[in-house]
Amino acid sequence: MRSVAVDATALLGPRTGVGVAVAGLLGSLAGGPQRIVGYGLTATGWRKLPALLPEGVVAAPRPLPAGLLMRAWVHLDLPTVESLVGRVDVVHGTNFVVPPARRAARLVTVNDLTPVRFPELVTATSRRYPTLVARALAGGAHVHTPSELVAEEVRGYFGVEAERVHVVAYGVAAPAAGVGTAEGVGRCAPPYVLATATAEPRKDLPGLVAAWDRVAGELPELRLRLLGPQGWGEAELVEAIGRAAHRDRIERLGWVEDPVPVVRGAALLAYPSRYEGFGFPPLEAMAEGVPVVATAAGAVPEVVGDAAALVPVGDTDALAAAMLKVLTDSAEVARLVAAGRERVARYSWAAAGEAFAGLYEQLSARG
């Protein structure tokens, strides 16, 4: 039986997009043909990790301090994954960082190229990622991306051969029975626009607040709910809310363990990002029968197709107009919900897990 080590660090703490991806990936691999070992790049949270891993996934036996290891891996091929988690055939770094290896094949996920394209939108830690990816590629690693757009960007920026870049789209959890019909959309009163994102510059929540504020002037019952943790764009978001004429109708919900009820009750999901390599929230909304208004940012058009109302990045007027149309046009709602249901059916974790298992087998056979 092949053995695969998978970076499960993103399961710790509030569940961001990477955390959703890792949880879905491990769930789809558990009980499959390969032995899966989950490891965490953390010296403090590693004791919590075993309880977060799905049944059938083995936890790595020791803490792996992220800061120390990343500083070492920029310059050295030590310590190796084998010395950290034991013998494995493949190691999959799920968030830009993959350990060196003595014999194991290496796969590193590049979810987007924000650190390269928009370095001003990321943290200092994230700005290290391109160097770590480049070093892994120089050592023979392969790359996984969740979209064709990111695959093309990786090939262009790093100059890596096409056969070493593998596109596997993520899946989306299936909705509960009876959910996903146009009749169920916007049934919560008062109605609200929902955004699901960490408060970081790339998500452009301040731009959404400004666009929503215009719509709220025409729809006096409309609210805005912001679902997600604070981040390094917190100050700008707070300032934008403070400027809003209708700020008393803006609610910040923070991070919640089960966001589905909040998503399901929304009149629409707004996704105003400046750049994305995939984008879970639009698909998650579609799965719950909620129409989506999004910017045509990065891979978003590739992922959502014609199942969302798309507007140019940073165009506050267009975003406000698209939201107003969805909120007042029942025919447009019905169209988007039907198209969304069809679109989200293309993204299953069963298919993704099968594709990843096949990729692991392919890489280990080469080694």
Protein backbone atom coordinates (compact mmCIF):
# COMPACT_ATOMS: atom_id res chain seq x y z
CA MET A 1 0.00 0.00 0.00
CA ARG A 2 1.32 3.42 -0.96
CA SER A 3 1.73 5.95 1.86
CA VAL A 4 1.05 9.67 1.36
CA ALA A 5 1.83 12.51 3.79
CA VAL A 6 -0.59 15.45 3.46
CA ASP A 7 -0.16 18.87 5.07
CA ALA A 8 -3.24 19.29 7.30
CA THR A 9 -2.15 22.51 9.04
CA ALA A 10 -5.07 24.47 7.59
CA LEU A 11 -7.53 22.42 9.66
CA LEU A 12 -6.37 24.35 12.73
CA GLY A 13 -8.07 27.62 13.58
CA PRO A 14 -10.85 29.37 11.64
CA ARG A 15 -11.61 27.47 8.44
CA THR A 16 -10.46 29.58 5.48
CA GLY A 17 -10.61 28.44 1.85
CA VAL A 18 -7.44 26.39 2.25
CA GLY A 19 -8.94 24.75 5.33
CA VAL A 20 -12.10 23.86 3.41
CA ALA A 21 -9.95 22.41 0.64
CA VAL A 22 -7.82 20.32 3.01
CA ALA A 23 -10.83 19.05 4.95
CA GLY A 24 -12.54 17.98 1.74
CA LEU A 25 -9.36 16.43 0.36
CA LEU A 26 -8.65 14.34 3.46
CA GLY A 27 -12.29 13.29 3.73
CA SER A 28 -12.25 12.10 0.13
CA LEU A 29 -9.00 10.15 0.63
CA ALA A 30 -9.85 8.49 3.96
CA GLY A 31 -10.53 4.81 3.59
CA GLY A 32 -9.10 4.75 0.07
CA PRO A 33 -6.35 2.62 -1.46
CA GLN A 34 -3.50 4.66 0.06
CA ARG A 35 -2.38 5.16 3.64
CA ILE A 36 -2.78 8.87 4.43
CA VAL A 37 -0.70 10.62 7.11
CA GLY A 38 -1.78 14.11 8.13
CA TYR A 39 0.92 16.42 9.45
CA GLY A 40 0.77 19.96 10.80
CA LEU A 41 3.40 22.66 10.37
CA THR A 42 2.93 23.97 13.89
CA ALA A 43 4.73 23.60 17.17
CA THR A 44 1.75 24.67 19.27
CA GLY A 45 -1.40 23.26 17.65
CA TRP A 46 -0.20 19.80 16.68
CA ARG A 47 -1.81 18.12 19.70
CA LYS A 48 -5.21 19.29 18.45
CA LEU A 49 -4.70 17.96 14.96
CA PRO A 50 -5.52 14.24 15.49
CA ALA A 51 -9.06 15.11 16.62
CA LEU A 52 -9.58 17.14 13.43
CA LEU A 53 -8.47 14.43 11.03
CA PRO A 54 -11.14 12.19 9.50
CA GLU A 55 -11.30 8.56 10.56
CA GLY A 56 -8.77 6.55 8.62
CA VAL A 57 -6.17 9.33 8.40
CA VAL A 58 -3.12 8.83 10.63
CA ALA A 59 -1.63 11.79 12.51
CA ALA A 60 2.09 12.53 12.30
CA PRO A 61 3.87 11.63 15.54
CA ARG A 62 5.63 14.92 16.41
CA PRO A 63 5.32 18.73 16.20
CA LEU A 64 6.76 20.49 13.17
CA PRO A 65 7.54 24.17 13.90
CA ALA A 66 6.49 26.12 10.81
CA GLY A 67 8.67 29.22 11.15
CA LEU A 68 11.87 27.30 11.83
CA LEU A 69 11.26 24.78 9.05
CA MET A 70 10.38 27.37 6.40
CA ARG A 71 13.51 29.37 7.20
CA ALA A 72 15.56 26.18 6.85
CA TRP A 73 13.86 25.06 3.62
CA VAL A 74 14.64 28.33 1.86
CA HIS A 75 18.33 27.32 1.96
CA LEU A 76 18.55 23.62 2.84
CA ASP A 77 17.04 20.28 1.86
CA LEU A 78 16.82 19.34 5.53
CA PRO A 79 14.99 18.16 7.50
CA THR A 80 13.30 15.77 5.10
CA VAL A 81 9.73 14.58 5.29
CA GLU A 82 10.95 11.10 6.15
CA SER A 83 12.75 12.38 9.24
CA LEU A 84 9.62 14.26 10.29
CA VAL A 85 6.79 11.78 9.65
CA GLY A 86 8.47 8.49 8.69
CA ARG A 87 8.69 6.66 5.39
CA VAL A 88 6.18 7.80 2.76
CA ASP A 89 5.92 7.43 -1.00
CA VAL A 90 4.49 10.91 -1.68
CA VAL A 91 4.35 14.15 0.30
CA HIS A 92 1.70 16.70 -0.62
CA GLY A 93 2.20 20.26 0.63
CA THR A 94 -1.31 21.68 0.40
CA ASN A 95 -0.45 25.36 0.85
CA PHE A 96 2.66 26.46 -1.11
CA VAL A 97 5.15 24.63 1.14
CA VAL A 98 6.32 21.04 0.60
CA PRO A 99 9.10 19.47 2.70
CA PRO A 100 12.30 18.16 1.10
CA ALA A 101 12.45 14.38 0.72
CA ARG A 102 15.03 11.65 0.46
CA ARG A 103 12.98 9.31 -1.71
CA ALA A 104 9.34 10.45 -1.62
CA ALA A 105 7.79 12.16 -4.64
CA ARG A 106 6.80 15.75 -3.87
CA LEU A 107 3.63 17.64 -4.82
CA VAL A 108 3.01 21.27 -3.84
CA THR A 109 -0.34 23.02 -4.19
CA VAL A 110 -0.24 26.57 -5.50
CA ASN A 111 -3.75 27.88 -4.94
CA ASP A 112 -3.02 31.26 -6.52
CA LEU A 113 -0.15 33.57 -7.35
CA THR A 114 -1.22 36.48 -5.15
CA PRO A 115 2.30 36.78 -3.60
CA VAL A 116 3.68 37.30 -7.10
CA ARG A 117 0.94 39.31 -8.79
CA PHE A 118 -0.21 41.38 -5.83
CA PRO A 119 2.51 41.24 -3.14
CA GLU A 120 1.01 44.33 -1.50
CA LEU A 121 -2.12 42.29 -0.68
CA VAL A 122 -0.41 39.53 1.34
CA THR A 123 1.47 39.10 4.59
CA ALA A 124 5.25 38.89 4.93
CA THR A 125 4.95 35.13 5.48
CA SER A 126 3.05 34.70 2.22
CA ARG A 127 5.69 36.67 0.33
CA ARG A 128 8.14 33.84 1.12
CA TYR A 129 6.05 31.30 -0.75
CA PRO A 130 7.33 31.89 -4.30
CA THR A 131 10.92 31.27 -3.13
CA LEU A 132 9.87 28.02 -1.44
CA VAL A 133 7.92 26.88 -4.51
CA ALA A 134 10.84 27.70 -6.81
CA ARG A 135 13.24 25.71 -4.62
CA ALA A 136 10.86 22.74 -4.55
CA LEU A 137 10.53 22.85 -8.33
CA ALA A 138 14.32 22.94 -8.70
CA GLY A 139 14.38 19.77 -6.61
CA GLY A 140 11.97 17.96 -8.94
CA ALA A 141 8.63 18.64 -7.24
CA HIS A 142 5.36 18.66 -9.16
CA VAL A 143 2.67 21.33 -8.77
CA HIS A 144 -1.06 21.02 -8.20
CA THR A 145 -3.36 23.94 -9.00
CA PRO A 146 -7.15 24.08 -8.56
CA SER A 147 -7.75 25.91 -11.85
CA GLU A 148 -6.40 26.18 -15.38
CA LEU A 149 -5.73 29.89 -14.88
CA VAL A 150 -3.34 29.27 -11.99
CA ALA A 151 -1.70 26.41 -13.89
CA GLU A 152 -0.95 28.78 -16.76
CA GLU A 153 0.37 31.42 -14.36
CA VAL A 154 2.62 28.84 -12.65
CA ARG A 155 4.03 27.63 -15.95
CA GLY A 156 4.72 31.19 -17.06
CA TYR A 157 6.20 32.57 -13.85
CA PHE A 158 8.30 29.58 -12.74
CA GLY A 159 9.16 28.30 -16.22
CA VAL A 160 8.17 24.77 -15.23
CA GLU A 161 7.39 22.09 -17.78
CA ALA A 162 3.68 21.60 -18.51
CA GLU A 163 3.82 17.90 -17.57
CA ARG A 164 4.80 18.83 -14.00
CA VAL A 165 1.71 20.99 -13.43
CA HIS A 166 -1.52 19.15 -12.62
CA VAL A 167 -4.97 20.74 -12.45
CA VAL A 168 -7.45 19.15 -10.05
CA ALA A 169 -10.47 21.25 -9.12
CA TYR A 170 -11.75 21.06 -5.56
CA GLY A 171 -15.16 19.72 -4.63
CA VAL A 172 -18.14 21.20 -2.84
CA ALA A 173 -20.15 19.52 -0.12
CA ALA A 174 -23.56 18.39 -1.32
CA PRO A 175 -26.49 20.42 0.10
CA ALA A 176 -29.00 18.96 2.50
CA ALA A 177 -32.05 17.27 1.01
CA GLY A 178 -34.64 19.73 -0.23
CA VAL A 179 -32.23 22.66 -0.47
CA GLY A 180 -31.28 24.38 -3.70
CA THR A 181 -34.60 25.51 -5.18
CA ALA A 182 -35.33 29.02 -6.36
CA GLU A 183 -38.40 29.12 -4.13
CA GLY A 184 -36.18 28.95 -1.06
CA VAL A 185 -34.02 31.94 -1.93
CA GLY A 186 -34.16 35.01 0.26
CA ARG A 187 -36.82 33.66 2.59
CA CYS A 188 -35.18 35.26 5.65
CA ALA A 189 -36.61 38.61 6.70
CA PRO A 190 -35.27 41.19 6.62
CA PRO A 191 -33.33 40.24 3.45
CA TYR A 192 -29.56 40.40 3.49
CA VAL A 193 -26.59 40.35 1.18
CA LEU A 194 -23.89 37.98 2.44
CA ALA A 195 -20.13 38.03 1.97
CA THR A 196 -17.93 35.20 3.22
CA ALA A 197 -14.28 36.16 3.53
CA THR A 198 -11.41 36.98 5.84
CA ALA A 199 -10.96 40.75 6.14
CA GLU A 200 -7.92 40.92 3.87
CA PRO A 201 -7.21 43.36 1.03
CA ARG A 202 -7.60 40.78 -1.74
CA LYS A 203 -11.26 40.24 -0.84
CA ASP A 204 -12.13 43.97 -1.22
CA LEU A 205 -14.79 44.03 1.46
CA PRO A 206 -14.53 47.85 1.67
CA GLY A 207 -15.57 48.01 -1.98
CA LEU A 208 -18.53 45.78 -1.24
CA VAL A 209 -19.60 47.98 1.67
CA ALA A 210 -19.59 51.02 -0.63
CA ALA A 211 -21.61 49.22 -3.35
CA TRP A 212 -24.09 47.77 -0.86
CA ASP A 213 -24.55 51.18 0.75
CA ARG A 214 -25.89 52.52 -2.56
CA VAL A 215 -28.32 49.62 -2.90
CA ALA A 216 -29.40 49.96 0.73
CA GLY A 217 -30.52 53.51 -0.02
CA GLU A 218 -33.13 52.09 -2.41
CA LEU A 219 -34.08 49.02 -0.35
CA PRO A 220 -34.66 50.20 3.22
CA GLU A 221 -34.97 46.72 4.73
CA LEU A 222 -31.79 45.34 3.17
CA ARG A 223 -28.93 44.31 5.45
CA LEU A 224 -25.32 43.32 4.84
CA ARG A 225 -23.83 40.42 6.73
CA LEU A 226 -20.08 39.84 6.72
CA LEU A 227 -19.12 36.30 7.65
CA GLY A 228 -15.47 35.56 8.37
CA PRO A 229 -12.58 36.33 10.72
CA GLN A 230 -10.65 39.54 11.11
CA GLY A 231 -7.51 39.85 9.01
CA TRP A 232 -4.79 42.24 7.88
CA GLY A 233 -7.35 44.37 6.03
CA GLU A 234 -9.29 45.04 9.22
CA ALA A 235 -8.54 48.76 9.50
CA GLU A 236 -9.69 49.51 5.96
CA LEU A 237 -12.91 47.55 6.47
CA VAL A 238 -13.69 49.33 9.72
CA GLU A 239 -13.14 52.69 8.00
CA ALA A 240 -15.43 51.71 5.12
CA ILE A 241 -18.21 50.68 7.49
CA GLY A 242 -17.78 53.94 9.39
CA ARG A 243 -18.29 55.90 6.14
CA ALA A 244 -21.43 53.99 5.14
CA ALA A 245 -24.67 55.97 5.40
CA HIS A 246 -26.54 52.80 6.36
CA ARG A 247 -23.90 51.29 8.66
CA ASP A 248 -26.54 50.45 11.27
CA ARG A 249 -27.70 47.69 8.91
CA ILE A 250 -24.26 46.08 8.57
CA GLU A 251 -23.59 43.02 10.75
CA ARG A 252 -20.23 41.35 11.31
CA LEU A 253 -20.73 37.73 12.29
CA GLY A 254 -17.09 36.72 12.63
CA TRP A 255 -16.15 33.11 12.01
CA VAL A 256 -18.82 30.48 12.65
CA GLU A 257 -18.27 26.74 12.71
CA ASP A 258 -21.30 25.96 10.55
CA PRO A 259 -21.92 28.75 8.00
CA VAL A 260 -24.54 26.84 5.99
CA PRO A 261 -27.65 28.30 7.72
CA VAL A 262 -26.34 31.83 7.19
CA VAL A 263 -25.54 31.13 3.52
CA ARG A 264 -28.88 29.43 2.95
CA GLY A 265 -30.86 32.41 4.24
CA ALA A 266 -29.14 35.06 2.09
CA ALA A 267 -30.92 36.91 -0.69
CA LEU A 268 -27.62 36.81 -2.58
CA LEU A 269 -23.94 36.12 -2.03
CA ALA A 270 -21.55 38.90 -3.04
CA TYR A 271 -17.98 37.94 -3.96
CA PRO A 272 -16.06 41.15 -4.74
CA SER A 273 -12.51 39.77 -4.84
CA ARG A 274 -9.63 41.38 -6.65
CA TYR A 275 -8.02 38.04 -7.52
CA GLU A 276 -8.81 34.36 -6.90
CA GLY A 277 -7.23 31.05 -7.84
CA PHE A 278 -10.47 29.12 -7.30
CA GLY A 279 -13.23 30.46 -5.02
CA PHE A 280 -15.33 28.28 -2.71
CA PRO A 281 -18.00 30.76 -1.53
CA PRO A 282 -19.79 31.16 -4.89
CA LEU A 283 -20.05 27.39 -5.34
CA GLU A 284 -21.15 26.90 -1.74
CA ALA A 285 -23.89 29.48 -2.26
CA MET A 286 -25.00 27.83 -5.50
CA ALA A 287 -25.22 24.50 -3.66
CA GLU A 288 -27.69 26.11 -1.26
CA GLY A 289 -29.82 27.71 -3.97
CA VAL A 290 -28.50 31.25 -3.44
CA PRO A 291 -27.75 33.52 -6.43
CA VAL A 292 -24.25 34.95 -6.76
CA VAL A 293 -22.88 38.33 -7.82
CA ALA A 294 -19.09 38.26 -8.23
CA THR A 295 -16.19 40.08 -9.80
CA ALA A 296 -14.50 38.55 -12.83
CA ALA A 297 -11.37 38.10 -10.75
CA GLY A 298 -8.70 35.57 -11.67
CA ALA A 299 -10.19 32.10 -11.95
CA VAL A 300 -13.71 33.09 -10.84
CA PRO A 301 -15.13 33.15 -14.42
CA GLU A 302 -13.56 29.73 -15.06
CA VAL A 303 -15.13 28.29 -11.91
CA VAL A 304 -18.63 29.81 -12.04
CA GLY A 305 -19.19 29.97 -15.80
CA ASP A 306 -22.50 31.68 -16.61
CA ALA A 307 -24.01 30.74 -13.23
CA ALA A 308 -23.15 34.07 -11.55
CA ALA A 309 -23.66 37.71 -12.39
CA LEU A 310 -20.09 38.89 -13.09
CA VAL A 311 -18.84 42.49 -12.93
CA PRO A 312 -15.40 44.06 -13.49
CA VAL A 313 -12.95 44.03 -10.60
CA GLY A 314 -13.10 47.20 -8.53
CA ASP A 315 -16.17 48.63 -10.34
CA THR A 316 -18.38 49.78 -7.46
CA ASP A 317 -21.14 51.07 -9.76
CA ALA A 318 -21.37 47.76 -11.65
CA LEU A 319 -21.37 45.76 -8.42
CA ALA A 320 -24.19 47.87 -6.98
CA ALA A 321 -26.22 47.61 -10.19
CA ALA A 322 -25.82 43.82 -10.38
CA MET A 323 -26.85 43.37 -6.76
CA LEU A 324 -29.89 45.61 -7.21
CA LYS A 325 -31.00 43.64 -10.27
CA VAL A 326 -30.78 40.31 -8.45
CA LEU A 327 -32.56 41.70 -5.40
CA THR A 328 -35.47 43.06 -7.45
CA ASP A 329 -35.78 40.72 -10.46
CA SER A 330 -37.32 37.32 -9.66
CA ALA A 331 -36.67 36.04 -13.19
CA GLU A 332 -32.97 36.78 -12.83
CA VAL A 333 -32.94 34.99 -9.48
CA ALA A 334 -34.58 31.91 -11.01
CA ARG A 335 -32.07 31.91 -13.88
CA LEU A 336 -29.05 32.19 -11.60
CA VAL A 337 -30.29 29.56 -9.17
CA ALA A 338 -30.99 27.04 -11.95
CA ALA A 339 -27.63 27.72 -13.59
CA GLY A 340 -25.89 27.52 -10.21
CA ARG A 341 -27.41 24.15 -9.42
CA GLU A 342 -26.16 22.83 -12.75
CA ARG A 343 -22.73 24.38 -12.31
CA VAL A 344 -22.03 23.16 -8.79
CA ALA A 345 -22.85 19.59 -9.82
CA ARG A 346 -19.52 19.57 -11.68
CA TYR A 347 -17.57 19.90 -8.42
CA SER A 348 -17.68 16.81 -6.22
CA TRP A 349 -15.20 15.67 -3.59
CA ALA A 350 -15.62 12.09 -4.75
CA ALA A 351 -14.27 13.02 -8.17
CA ALA A 352 -11.54 15.21 -6.68
CA GLY A 353 -10.43 12.47 -4.28
CA GLU A 354 -10.24 9.96 -7.10
CA ALA A 355 -8.16 12.37 -9.17
CA PHE A 356 -5.76 13.07 -6.30
CA ALA A 357 -5.37 9.37 -5.50
CA GLY A 358 -4.55 8.73 -9.16
CA LEU A 359 -2.04 11.58 -9.17
CA TYR A 360 -0.33 10.25 -6.03
CA GLU A 361 -0.08 6.82 -7.64
CA GLN A 362 1.37 8.33 -10.81
CA LEU A 363 3.98 10.33 -8.91
CA SER A 364 5.04 7.46 -6.64
CA ALA A 365 5.40 5.14 -9.63
CA ARG A 366 7.77 7.64 -11.25
CA GLY A 367 9.87 7.73 -8.09
